[in-house]
N, C-alpha and C. Protein backbone atom coordinates (compact mmCIF):
# COMPACT_ATOMS: atom_id res chain seq x y z
N UNK A 1 -156.38 -24.47 35.02
CA UNK A 1 -157.40 -23.59 34.50
C UNK A 1 -157.95 -24.11 33.28
N UNK A 2 -159.25 -24.28 33.18
CA UNK A 2 -159.86 -24.85 31.98
C UNK A 2 -160.71 -23.79 31.31
N UNK A 3 -161.08 -23.96 30.01
CA UNK A 3 -161.99 -23.13 29.20
C UNK A 3 -162.83 -23.87 28.29
N UNK A 4 -164.04 -23.49 28.12
CA UNK A 4 -165.00 -24.11 27.14
C UNK A 4 -165.75 -22.97 26.46
N UNK A 5 -166.01 -23.27 25.13
CA UNK A 5 -166.84 -22.26 24.27
C UNK A 5 -168.25 -22.50 24.79
N UNK A 6 -168.94 -21.41 24.83
CA UNK A 6 -170.36 -21.50 25.25
C UNK A 6 -171.12 -20.77 24.23
N UNK A 7 -172.32 -21.36 23.91
CA UNK A 7 -173.38 -20.64 23.04
C UNK A 7 -174.71 -20.84 23.79
N UNK A 8 -175.56 -19.81 23.55
CA UNK A 8 -176.83 -19.75 24.24
C UNK A 8 -178.02 -19.86 23.15
N UNK A 9 -177.69 -19.77 21.86
CA UNK A 9 -178.66 -19.63 20.86
C UNK A 9 -178.53 -20.84 19.93
N UNK A 10 -179.47 -21.64 19.69
CA UNK A 10 -180.93 -21.45 20.09
C UNK A 10 -181.08 -22.04 21.47
N UNK A 11 -180.02 -22.82 22.18
CA UNK A 11 -180.21 -23.19 23.48
C UNK A 11 -178.84 -23.27 23.97
N UNK A 12 -178.65 -23.55 25.31
CA UNK A 12 -177.34 -23.56 25.95
C UNK A 12 -176.61 -24.76 25.52
N UNK A 13 -175.25 -24.46 25.13
CA UNK A 13 -174.38 -25.53 24.76
C UNK A 13 -173.01 -25.16 25.23
N UNK A 14 -172.22 -26.13 25.76
CA UNK A 14 -170.90 -25.88 26.19
C UNK A 14 -170.00 -26.99 25.52
N UNK A 15 -168.83 -26.50 24.95
CA UNK A 15 -167.94 -27.45 24.28
C UNK A 15 -167.23 -28.23 25.28
N UNK A 16 -166.38 -29.21 24.86
CA UNK A 16 -165.60 -30.02 25.88
C UNK A 16 -164.55 -29.02 26.35
N UNK A 17 -164.29 -28.85 27.66
CA UNK A 17 -163.32 -28.04 28.18
C UNK A 17 -161.82 -28.45 27.79
N UNK A 18 -161.04 -27.39 27.66
CA UNK A 18 -159.64 -27.63 27.30
C UNK A 18 -158.74 -26.87 28.35
N UNK A 19 -157.53 -27.33 28.59
CA UNK A 19 -156.64 -26.79 29.60
C UNK A 19 -156.03 -25.56 29.05
N UNK A 20 -156.09 -24.38 29.76
CA UNK A 20 -155.45 -23.12 29.32
C UNK A 20 -154.05 -23.17 29.83
N UNK A 21 -153.90 -23.55 31.16
CA UNK A 21 -152.56 -23.59 31.80
C UNK A 21 -152.75 -24.41 33.13
N UNK A 22 -151.51 -24.84 33.65
CA UNK A 22 -151.66 -25.54 34.92
C UNK A 22 -151.57 -24.49 36.05
N UNK A 23 -152.41 -24.80 37.13
CA UNK A 23 -152.46 -23.91 38.20
C UNK A 23 -151.64 -24.54 39.36
N UNK A 24 -151.01 -23.54 40.11
CA UNK A 24 -150.11 -24.20 41.27
C UNK A 24 -151.00 -24.67 42.25
N UNK A 25 -150.60 -25.78 42.98
CA UNK A 25 -151.42 -26.39 44.06
C UNK A 25 -150.76 -26.11 45.29
N UNK A 26 -151.56 -25.72 46.33
CA UNK A 26 -151.05 -25.35 47.60
C UNK A 26 -150.19 -26.50 48.20
N UNK A 27 -149.12 -26.12 49.03
CA UNK A 27 -148.27 -27.17 49.45
C UNK A 27 -148.94 -28.18 50.36
N UNK A 28 -150.07 -27.80 50.92
CA UNK A 28 -150.89 -28.78 51.63
C UNK A 28 -151.61 -29.83 50.89
N UNK A 29 -151.49 -29.58 49.47
CA UNK A 29 -152.16 -30.60 48.61
C UNK A 29 -153.48 -30.14 48.20
N UNK A 30 -154.03 -29.05 48.60
CA UNK A 30 -155.46 -28.66 48.14
C UNK A 30 -155.32 -27.36 47.35
N UNK A 31 -156.20 -27.27 46.42
CA UNK A 31 -156.24 -26.11 45.64
C UNK A 31 -156.99 -24.87 46.28
N UNK A 32 -156.48 -23.76 46.33
CA UNK A 32 -157.12 -22.59 46.88
C UNK A 32 -157.36 -21.44 45.90
N UNK A 33 -158.30 -20.59 46.10
CA UNK A 33 -158.45 -19.64 45.17
C UNK A 33 -157.49 -18.47 45.28
N UNK A 34 -156.39 -18.65 44.40
CA UNK A 34 -155.36 -17.72 44.56
C UNK A 34 -155.24 -17.08 43.11
N UNK A 35 -156.41 -16.80 42.44
CA UNK A 35 -156.27 -16.14 41.16
C UNK A 35 -157.55 -15.23 40.97
N UNK A 36 -157.42 -14.45 39.97
CA UNK A 36 -158.49 -13.57 39.59
C UNK A 36 -158.40 -13.33 38.11
N UNK A 37 -159.44 -12.90 37.38
CA UNK A 37 -159.46 -12.64 35.96
C UNK A 37 -159.81 -11.10 35.77
N UNK A 38 -159.16 -10.40 34.78
CA UNK A 38 -159.47 -9.10 34.53
C UNK A 38 -160.85 -8.83 34.02
N UNK A 39 -161.34 -7.66 34.14
CA UNK A 39 -162.73 -7.31 33.84
C UNK A 39 -163.09 -7.61 32.40
N UNK A 40 -162.03 -7.58 31.47
CA UNK A 40 -162.34 -7.78 30.03
C UNK A 40 -162.17 -9.38 29.75
N UNK A 41 -161.87 -10.14 30.76
CA UNK A 41 -161.71 -11.58 30.54
C UNK A 41 -160.52 -11.98 29.67
N UNK A 42 -159.54 -11.10 29.48
CA UNK A 42 -158.40 -11.51 28.64
C UNK A 42 -157.12 -11.87 29.44
N UNK A 43 -157.11 -11.64 30.67
CA UNK A 43 -155.82 -11.79 31.55
C UNK A 43 -156.13 -12.41 32.85
N UNK A 44 -155.26 -13.16 33.44
CA UNK A 44 -155.43 -13.79 34.74
C UNK A 44 -154.24 -13.31 35.62
N UNK A 45 -154.56 -13.18 36.88
CA UNK A 45 -153.48 -12.89 37.89
C UNK A 45 -153.45 -14.16 38.82
N UNK A 46 -152.38 -14.86 39.00
CA UNK A 46 -152.26 -16.08 39.75
C UNK A 46 -151.22 -15.77 40.80
N UNK A 47 -151.55 -15.91 42.05
CA UNK A 47 -150.45 -15.73 43.09
C UNK A 47 -149.75 -17.24 43.33
N UNK A 48 -148.54 -17.15 43.24
CA UNK A 48 -147.80 -18.37 43.48
C UNK A 48 -146.61 -18.02 44.29
N UNK A 49 -146.05 -19.09 44.99
CA UNK A 49 -144.87 -18.94 45.90
C UNK A 49 -143.57 -18.87 44.97
N UNK A 50 -142.53 -18.39 45.59
CA UNK A 50 -141.29 -18.43 44.78
C UNK A 50 -140.83 -19.71 44.30
N UNK A 51 -141.13 -20.87 45.17
CA UNK A 51 -140.81 -22.20 44.93
C UNK A 51 -141.65 -22.66 43.71
N UNK A 52 -142.81 -22.31 43.56
CA UNK A 52 -143.63 -22.69 42.41
C UNK A 52 -143.32 -22.12 41.09
N UNK A 53 -142.61 -20.94 41.19
CA UNK A 53 -142.28 -20.21 39.96
C UNK A 53 -140.78 -20.07 39.82
N UNK A 54 -139.98 -20.95 40.37
CA UNK A 54 -138.55 -20.92 40.28
C UNK A 54 -138.08 -20.83 38.78
N UNK A 55 -137.24 -19.86 38.44
CA UNK A 55 -136.79 -19.69 37.12
C UNK A 55 -137.63 -18.74 36.22
N UNK A 56 -138.84 -18.38 36.82
CA UNK A 56 -139.75 -17.46 36.05
C UNK A 56 -139.25 -16.06 36.29
N UNK A 57 -139.47 -15.24 35.16
CA UNK A 57 -139.10 -13.78 35.29
C UNK A 57 -140.13 -13.11 36.22
N UNK A 58 -139.63 -12.11 36.85
CA UNK A 58 -140.50 -11.22 37.70
C UNK A 58 -140.81 -10.02 36.89
N UNK A 59 -142.10 -9.71 36.63
CA UNK A 59 -142.49 -8.58 35.93
C UNK A 59 -143.05 -7.47 36.82
N UNK A 60 -142.44 -6.35 36.86
CA UNK A 60 -142.81 -5.18 37.56
C UNK A 60 -143.51 -4.10 36.76
N UNK A 61 -144.68 -3.72 37.21
CA UNK A 61 -145.47 -2.74 36.45
C UNK A 61 -145.30 -1.41 37.15
N UNK A 62 -144.69 -0.45 36.48
CA UNK A 62 -144.43 0.92 37.10
C UNK A 62 -145.63 1.80 36.65
N UNK A 63 -145.93 2.85 37.38
CA UNK A 63 -146.91 3.83 37.17
C UNK A 63 -148.28 3.22 36.84
N UNK A 64 -148.61 2.14 37.52
CA UNK A 64 -149.84 1.53 37.31
C UNK A 64 -151.10 2.32 37.67
N UNK A 65 -150.81 3.27 38.56
CA UNK A 65 -152.07 4.19 38.90
C UNK A 65 -152.50 5.04 37.83
N UNK A 66 -151.63 5.23 36.74
CA UNK A 66 -152.03 6.06 35.65
C UNK A 66 -153.05 5.43 34.82
N UNK A 67 -153.26 4.14 34.99
CA UNK A 67 -154.24 3.41 34.13
C UNK A 67 -155.60 3.22 34.85
N UNK A 68 -155.72 3.75 36.19
CA UNK A 68 -156.94 3.69 36.83
C UNK A 68 -157.86 4.77 36.32
N UNK A 69 -159.21 4.48 36.52
CA UNK A 69 -160.23 5.44 36.03
C UNK A 69 -160.11 6.74 36.87
N UNK A 70 -160.27 7.85 36.29
CA UNK A 70 -160.15 9.09 37.07
C UNK A 70 -161.52 9.46 37.59
């Protein structure tokens, strides 16, 4: 996953992209869209297999419906 700073004033300009983090690659060798970004642009959700994340902690969010708009 890459990021670049963007400015539009006085004209469009994009900085040189830099890597935010490595994305898992599908076992078949191709990259698939297995991610999404939060509405505020501050968080990513990446779906990865257990093999790709071996040794990583599992984070469980409880009562997540309390944060949904009413």
